[in-house]
Amino acid sequence: MTKIIANRRSALAWLGAGASVPVLAACGGNEARAQGNFPISYSEAEWRRRLTAQEFRVLREAATERPYTSPLNDEKRRGTYHCQGCGNRLFSSSHKYDSGTGWPSFWRAIDNGAVGYSTDYNLGYPRTEEHCADCGGHLGHRFDDGPEPTGHRHCINGVALEFRPA
């Protein structure tokens, strides 16, 4: 019986390790992941000078901040949310809602040209990655489980945003 338990434990351990590989692979980041030509562009050294270490990891390496750590989750004032990297207007407080996910969430961007999208496979399946249209900074992801009228949830890293009260 000891041999069966050991084999079962080994099998479960290997299954768990195999399932965690995509998640662990997504924890790191790739250098300045945003691809393409953007109106605002800096060298890696300049981005590092302009941003805090955490802002750099999120905006330039597509990392994700821990849920429920951003003070912007509880921000209720009227105003606009701008890209922390370049100041681009991204979201309006009138489109913000509490999704219960631990990140600031919006049901739409402030206008059609504020954000851009790409597909990432970091977790082993396709997700809609959201980035600033002006500098290419990683903001978070867009999901199709949000409120009407769009049905979208823009799940955004608070560290990628700067709130400016109205």
Protein backbone atom coordinates (compact mmCIF):
# COMPACT_ATOMS: atom_id res chain seq x y z
CA MET A 1 0.00 0.00 0.00
CA THR A 2 2.90 2.38 0.68
CA LYS A 3 4.07 1.94 -2.89
CA ILE A 4 0.63 2.89 -4.29
CA ILE A 5 0.43 6.03 -2.12
CA ALA A 6 3.93 7.06 -3.15
CA ASN A 7 3.05 6.55 -6.83
CA ARG A 8 -0.20 8.47 -6.45
CA ARG A 9 1.62 11.31 -4.68
CA SER A 10 4.31 11.35 -7.35
CA ALA A 11 1.72 11.44 -10.12
CA LEU A 12 -0.14 14.30 -8.45
CA ALA A 13 3.11 16.20 -7.90
CA TRP A 14 4.07 15.84 -11.57
CA LEU A 15 0.60 16.90 -12.70
CA GLY A 16 0.75 19.97 -10.45
CA ALA A 17 4.22 20.87 -11.66
CA GLY A 18 3.18 20.51 -15.30
CA ALA A 19 0.09 22.66 -14.82
CA SER A 20 2.09 25.41 -13.13
CA VAL A 21 4.64 25.84 -15.93
CA PRO A 22 2.53 28.25 -18.05
CA VAL A 23 1.63 30.31 -14.98
CA LEU A 24 5.24 30.57 -13.82
CA ALA A 25 6.38 31.40 -17.34
CA ALA A 26 3.96 34.32 -17.39
CA CYS A 27 5.37 35.81 -14.18
CA GLY A 28 8.43 37.17 -15.89
CA GLY A 29 8.36 39.71 -18.63
CA ASN A 30 9.89 40.32 -21.97
CA GLU A 31 11.77 43.51 -22.62
CA ALA A 32 9.52 46.33 -23.80
CA ARG A 33 6.96 43.89 -25.18
CA ALA A 34 4.84 46.38 -27.09
CA GLN A 35 5.49 45.95 -30.78
CA GLY A 36 5.03 48.57 -33.44
CA ASN A 37 5.55 52.25 -33.97
CA PHE A 38 4.12 54.49 -31.29
CA PRO A 39 4.08 58.31 -31.22
CA ILE A 40 6.01 58.24 -27.93
CA SER A 41 9.14 56.11 -27.81
CA TYR A 42 12.11 56.05 -25.44
CA SER A 43 15.16 53.87 -24.99
CA GLU A 44 15.10 51.26 -22.23
CA ALA A 45 17.44 53.44 -20.17
CA GLU A 46 15.12 56.44 -20.53
CA TRP A 47 12.04 54.36 -19.57
CA ARG A 48 13.89 53.14 -16.48
CA ARG A 49 14.76 56.73 -15.57
CA ARG A 50 11.19 57.95 -16.02
CA LEU A 51 9.38 55.09 -14.25
CA THR A 52 9.61 53.42 -10.85
CA ALA A 53 10.80 49.81 -10.84
CA GLN A 54 7.24 48.50 -10.50
CA GLU A 55 5.90 50.82 -13.21
CA PHE A 56 8.68 49.66 -15.53
CA ARG A 57 7.90 45.97 -14.86
CA VAL A 58 4.21 46.46 -15.64
CA LEU A 59 4.33 49.00 -18.48
CA ARG A 60 7.45 47.83 -20.31
CA GLU A 61 7.73 44.12 -19.36
CA ALA A 62 4.00 43.26 -19.15
CA ALA A 63 4.10 42.16 -15.52
CA THR A 64 0.94 42.17 -13.38
CA GLU A 65 0.63 43.86 -10.00
CA ARG A 66 -0.85 41.86 -7.13
CA PRO A 67 -4.64 42.17 -6.87
CA TYR A 68 -6.13 44.55 -4.28
CA THR A 69 -2.87 46.50 -3.93
CA SER A 70 -3.75 49.60 -5.96
CA PRO A 71 -5.26 52.61 -4.17
CA LEU A 72 -7.11 53.28 -7.44
CA ASN A 73 -9.43 50.35 -6.67
CA ASP A 74 -11.18 52.58 -4.14
CA GLU A 75 -10.98 55.83 -6.13
CA LYS A 76 -14.51 57.25 -6.41
CA ARG A 77 -13.89 60.87 -7.47
CA ARG A 78 -14.74 62.20 -10.91
CA GLY A 79 -11.76 62.49 -13.21
CA THR A 80 -9.64 60.78 -15.83
CA TYR A 81 -7.10 57.99 -15.75
CA HIS A 82 -3.93 58.59 -17.75
CA CYS A 83 -1.03 56.38 -18.80
CA GLN A 84 1.66 56.54 -16.12
CA GLY A 85 4.31 56.25 -18.85
CA CYS A 86 3.28 59.03 -21.20
CA GLY A 87 0.22 60.87 -19.87
CA ASN A 88 -2.19 59.68 -22.58
CA ARG A 89 -5.87 59.92 -21.49
CA LEU A 90 -7.13 56.32 -21.22
CA PHE A 91 -10.28 56.01 -19.09
CA SER A 92 -12.99 58.15 -17.54
CA SER A 93 -14.25 57.73 -13.99
CA SER A 94 -17.77 57.55 -15.44
CA HIS A 95 -16.82 54.21 -17.06
CA LYS A 96 -15.22 52.70 -13.93
CA TYR A 97 -16.95 49.97 -11.93
CA ASP A 98 -16.12 47.48 -9.19
CA SER A 99 -15.56 44.13 -10.90
CA GLY A 100 -14.50 42.42 -7.67
CA THR A 101 -11.27 41.24 -9.32
CA GLY A 102 -8.83 43.40 -7.34
CA TRP A 103 -7.80 45.65 -10.23
CA PRO A 104 -9.33 48.93 -11.44
CA SER A 105 -11.91 47.99 -14.08
CA PHE A 106 -13.67 49.98 -16.78
CA TRP A 107 -16.40 49.01 -19.24
CA ARG A 108 -14.87 51.10 -22.03
CA ALA A 109 -11.85 53.26 -22.89
CA ILE A 110 -12.26 57.04 -22.93
CA ASP A 111 -12.27 57.06 -26.76
CA ASN A 112 -11.58 54.73 -29.68
CA GLY A 113 -7.94 55.82 -30.10
CA ALA A 114 -6.81 55.68 -26.46
CA VAL A 115 -5.81 52.02 -26.22
CA GLY A 116 -4.65 49.26 -28.51
CA TYR A 117 -4.92 45.50 -28.36
CA SER A 118 -2.85 42.45 -29.13
CA THR A 119 -3.10 38.76 -28.30
CA ASP A 120 -0.90 37.17 -25.67
CA TYR A 121 -0.51 33.46 -24.95
CA ASN A 122 1.48 33.77 -21.70
CA LEU A 123 -0.90 31.48 -19.81
CA GLY A 124 -1.14 28.98 -22.66
CA TYR A 125 -4.39 30.34 -24.11
CA PRO A 126 -5.23 33.56 -25.99
CA ARG A 127 -6.05 36.71 -24.01
CA THR A 128 -6.65 40.24 -25.27
CA GLU A 129 -3.74 42.32 -24.01
CA GLU A 130 -4.40 46.04 -23.68
CA HIS A 131 -1.74 48.72 -24.17
CA CYS A 132 -1.49 52.49 -24.37
CA ALA A 133 -1.96 53.63 -27.97
CA ASP A 134 0.63 56.41 -27.56
CA CYS A 135 3.60 54.62 -25.94
CA GLY A 136 2.70 50.93 -26.18
CA GLY A 137 2.85 50.47 -22.40
CA HIS A 138 1.15 47.31 -21.09
CA LEU A 139 -1.99 48.23 -19.16
CA GLY A 140 -3.68 44.89 -18.52
CA HIS A 141 -6.25 42.79 -20.37
CA ARG A 142 -9.74 43.13 -21.79
CA PHE A 143 -12.30 40.41 -21.13
CA ASP A 144 -15.81 39.86 -22.45
CA ASP A 145 -17.51 39.50 -19.06
CA GLY A 146 -18.19 43.15 -18.26
CA PRO A 147 -21.40 45.12 -17.83
CA GLU A 148 -23.65 46.50 -20.56
CA PRO A 149 -23.61 48.33 -22.84
CA THR A 150 -20.23 46.98 -24.07
CA GLY A 151 -19.96 43.70 -22.19
CA HIS A 152 -16.22 44.40 -21.80
CA ARG A 153 -14.10 44.47 -18.66
CA HIS A 154 -10.88 46.43 -19.07
CA CYS A 155 -8.90 44.93 -16.17
CA ILE A 156 -6.07 47.44 -15.69
CA ASN A 157 -2.99 47.48 -13.46
CA GLY A 158 -3.36 50.47 -11.15
CA VAL A 159 0.39 51.13 -11.25
CA ALA A 160 0.03 51.76 -15.02
CA LEU A 161 -2.43 54.58 -14.36
CA GLU A 162 -2.29 58.13 -13.05
CA PHE A 163 -5.60 59.52 -11.77
CA ARG A 164 -6.31 63.21 -12.36
CA PRO A 165 -9.38 64.54 -10.52
CA ALA A 166 -11.86 66.67 -12.48
